[in-house]
Amino acid sequence: MKSILKCESCGRYTMKEACLCGKKALTPKPAKFSIEDKYGNYRRKAKFSFFREKGLL
């Protein structure tokens, strides 16, 4: 079963891999949540360094 996709540039919804504008369409669903997140520590470190780089922390 195919699911609906959303264009990353124009925001249109489509069932095809590529939008009418020619850009890639991605799934609009968030990632599945897990309490035992194996990569959560890496993601938090990346987010922290991103905010520090932008001067938000």
N, C-alpha and C. Protein backbone atom coordinates (compact mmCIF):
# COMPACT_ATOMS: atom_id res chain seq x y z
N MET A 1 0.84 -1.18 0.00
CA MET A 1 0.00 0.00 0.00
C MET A 1 0.89 1.24 0.00
N LYS A 2 0.64 2.16 -0.90
CA LYS A 2 1.38 3.41 -0.97
C LYS A 2 0.80 4.42 0.00
N SER A 3 1.64 5.29 0.48
CA SER A 3 1.15 6.35 1.36
C SER A 3 1.36 7.70 0.68
N ILE A 4 0.73 8.70 1.23
CA ILE A 4 0.80 10.04 0.65
C ILE A 4 2.16 10.65 0.97
N LEU A 5 2.68 11.43 0.05
CA LEU A 5 3.97 12.09 0.21
C LEU A 5 3.79 13.60 0.08
N LYS A 6 4.72 14.35 0.64
CA LYS A 6 4.66 15.81 0.59
C LYS A 6 5.94 16.34 -0.03
N CYS A 7 5.80 17.28 -0.96
CA CYS A 7 6.96 17.88 -1.63
C CYS A 7 7.74 18.73 -0.63
N GLU A 8 9.07 18.61 -0.67
CA GLU A 8 9.89 19.35 0.28
C GLU A 8 10.05 20.82 -0.07
N SER A 9 9.77 21.20 -1.31
CA SER A 9 9.96 22.60 -1.68
C SER A 9 8.64 23.37 -1.76
N CYS A 10 7.64 22.83 -2.47
CA CYS A 10 6.40 23.60 -2.65
C CYS A 10 5.30 23.22 -1.65
N GLY A 11 5.42 22.07 -0.97
CA GLY A 11 4.45 21.69 0.05
C GLY A 11 3.23 20.97 -0.48
N ARG A 12 3.19 20.62 -1.76
CA ARG A 12 2.05 19.88 -2.32
C ARG A 12 2.09 18.43 -1.87
N TYR A 13 0.92 17.82 -1.78
CA TYR A 13 0.80 16.41 -1.47
C TYR A 13 0.63 15.63 -2.76
N THR A 14 1.28 14.46 -2.83
CA THR A 14 1.24 13.64 -4.03
C THR A 14 1.42 12.17 -3.66
N MET A 15 1.15 11.28 -4.60
CA MET A 15 1.38 9.86 -4.40
C MET A 15 2.64 9.41 -5.14
N LYS A 16 3.27 10.30 -5.88
CA LYS A 16 4.45 9.96 -6.68
C LYS A 16 5.73 10.35 -5.93
N GLU A 17 6.84 9.74 -6.33
CA GLU A 17 8.13 10.02 -5.70
C GLU A 17 8.62 11.44 -5.98
N ALA A 18 8.26 11.98 -7.14
CA ALA A 18 8.64 13.34 -7.51
C ALA A 18 7.40 14.20 -7.69
N CYS A 19 7.48 15.44 -7.25
CA CYS A 19 6.36 16.37 -7.35
C CYS A 19 6.27 16.93 -8.77
N LEU A 20 5.19 17.65 -9.05
CA LEU A 20 5.04 18.30 -10.34
C LEU A 20 6.10 19.37 -10.57
N CYS A 21 6.59 19.96 -9.49
CA CYS A 21 7.63 20.99 -9.61
C CYS A 21 9.00 20.38 -9.89
N GLY A 22 9.13 19.06 -9.79
CA GLY A 22 10.38 18.39 -10.10
C GLY A 22 11.24 18.04 -8.89
N LYS A 23 10.82 18.44 -7.71
CA LYS A 23 11.59 18.15 -6.50
C LYS A 23 11.15 16.81 -5.90
N LYS A 24 11.91 16.34 -4.93
CA LYS A 24 11.66 15.06 -4.27
C LYS A 24 10.50 15.19 -3.27
N ALA A 25 9.64 14.18 -3.23
CA ALA A 25 8.54 14.15 -2.27
C ALA A 25 8.90 13.20 -1.13
N LEU A 26 8.67 13.63 0.10
CA LEU A 26 9.01 12.86 1.29
C LEU A 26 7.76 12.54 2.08
N THR A 27 7.85 11.57 2.98
CA THR A 27 6.71 11.23 3.82
C THR A 27 6.52 12.30 4.89
N PRO A 28 5.30 12.76 5.13
CA PRO A 28 5.07 13.80 6.13
C PRO A 28 4.95 13.25 7.55
N LYS A 29 5.01 11.94 7.71
CA LYS A 29 4.83 11.32 9.03
C LYS A 29 6.11 11.46 9.85
N PRO A 30 5.97 11.68 11.16
CA PRO A 30 7.15 11.74 12.02
C PRO A 30 7.72 10.34 12.23
N ALA A 31 8.95 10.26 12.69
CA ALA A 31 9.58 8.97 12.97
C ALA A 31 8.87 8.29 14.14
N LYS A 32 8.90 6.97 14.15
CA LYS A 32 8.26 6.20 15.20
C LYS A 32 8.98 6.46 16.53
N PHE A 33 8.21 6.68 17.61
CA PHE A 33 8.77 6.98 18.92
C PHE A 33 9.14 5.70 19.64
N SER A 34 10.28 5.71 20.30
CA SER A 34 10.71 4.57 21.09
C SER A 34 11.39 5.09 22.36
N ILE A 35 11.03 4.51 23.49
CA ILE A 35 11.66 4.87 24.76
C ILE A 35 13.14 4.49 24.71
N GLU A 36 13.44 3.33 24.13
CA GLU A 36 14.81 2.82 24.04
C GLU A 36 15.45 3.30 22.73
N ASP A 37 15.59 4.61 22.59
CA ASP A 37 16.14 5.22 21.38
C ASP A 37 17.65 5.05 21.36
N LYS A 38 18.15 4.26 20.41
CA LYS A 38 19.59 3.98 20.34
C LYS A 38 20.41 5.20 19.95
N TYR A 39 19.85 6.07 19.15
CA TYR A 39 20.62 7.19 18.61
C TYR A 39 20.20 8.54 19.20
N GLY A 40 19.42 8.54 20.26
CA GLY A 40 18.95 9.77 20.88
C GLY A 40 20.08 10.64 21.40
N ASN A 41 21.09 10.01 21.97
CA ASN A 41 22.21 10.76 22.51
C ASN A 41 22.96 11.51 21.40
N TYR A 42 23.17 10.85 20.26
CA TYR A 42 23.84 11.49 19.13
C TYR A 42 22.99 12.65 18.58
N ARG A 43 21.68 12.46 18.51
CA ARG A 43 20.79 13.49 17.98
C ARG A 43 20.78 14.71 18.90
N ARG A 44 20.74 14.47 20.21
CA ARG A 44 20.76 15.60 21.16
C ARG A 44 22.08 16.36 21.10
N LYS A 45 23.21 15.64 20.95
CA LYS A 45 24.51 16.31 20.82
C LYS A 45 24.56 17.16 19.56
N ALA A 46 24.03 16.64 18.47
CA ALA A 46 24.03 17.39 17.20
C ALA A 46 23.16 18.64 17.32
N LYS A 47 22.01 18.50 17.95
CA LYS A 47 21.12 19.65 18.13
C LYS A 47 21.77 20.71 19.02
N PHE A 48 22.43 20.27 20.09
CA PHE A 48 23.09 21.19 21.00
C PHE A 48 24.20 21.96 20.29
N SER A 49 25.02 21.24 19.49
CA SER A 49 26.10 21.92 18.79
C SER A 49 25.56 22.87 17.71
N PHE A 50 24.44 22.51 17.08
CA PHE A 50 23.81 23.38 16.10
C PHE A 50 23.35 24.68 16.75
N PHE A 51 22.67 24.58 17.90
CA PHE A 51 22.20 25.77 18.60
C PHE A 51 23.37 26.62 19.10
N ARG A 52 24.43 25.97 19.57
CA ARG A 52 25.59 26.71 20.05
C ARG A 52 26.26 27.44 18.88
N GLU A 53 26.32 26.80 17.72
CA GLU A 53 26.92 27.41 16.52
C GLU A 53 26.14 28.64 16.07
N LYS A 54 24.80 28.59 16.20
CA LYS A 54 23.95 29.70 15.80
C LYS A 54 23.88 30.80 16.86
N GLY A 55 24.45 30.54 18.03
CA GLY A 55 24.45 31.54 19.10
C GLY A 55 23.16 31.58 19.88
N LEU A 56 22.40 30.49 19.87
CA LEU A 56 21.13 30.46 20.58
C LEU A 56 21.28 29.92 22.00
N LEU A 57 22.43 29.39 22.33
CA LEU A 57 22.69 28.91 23.69
C LEU A 57 23.86 29.62 24.30
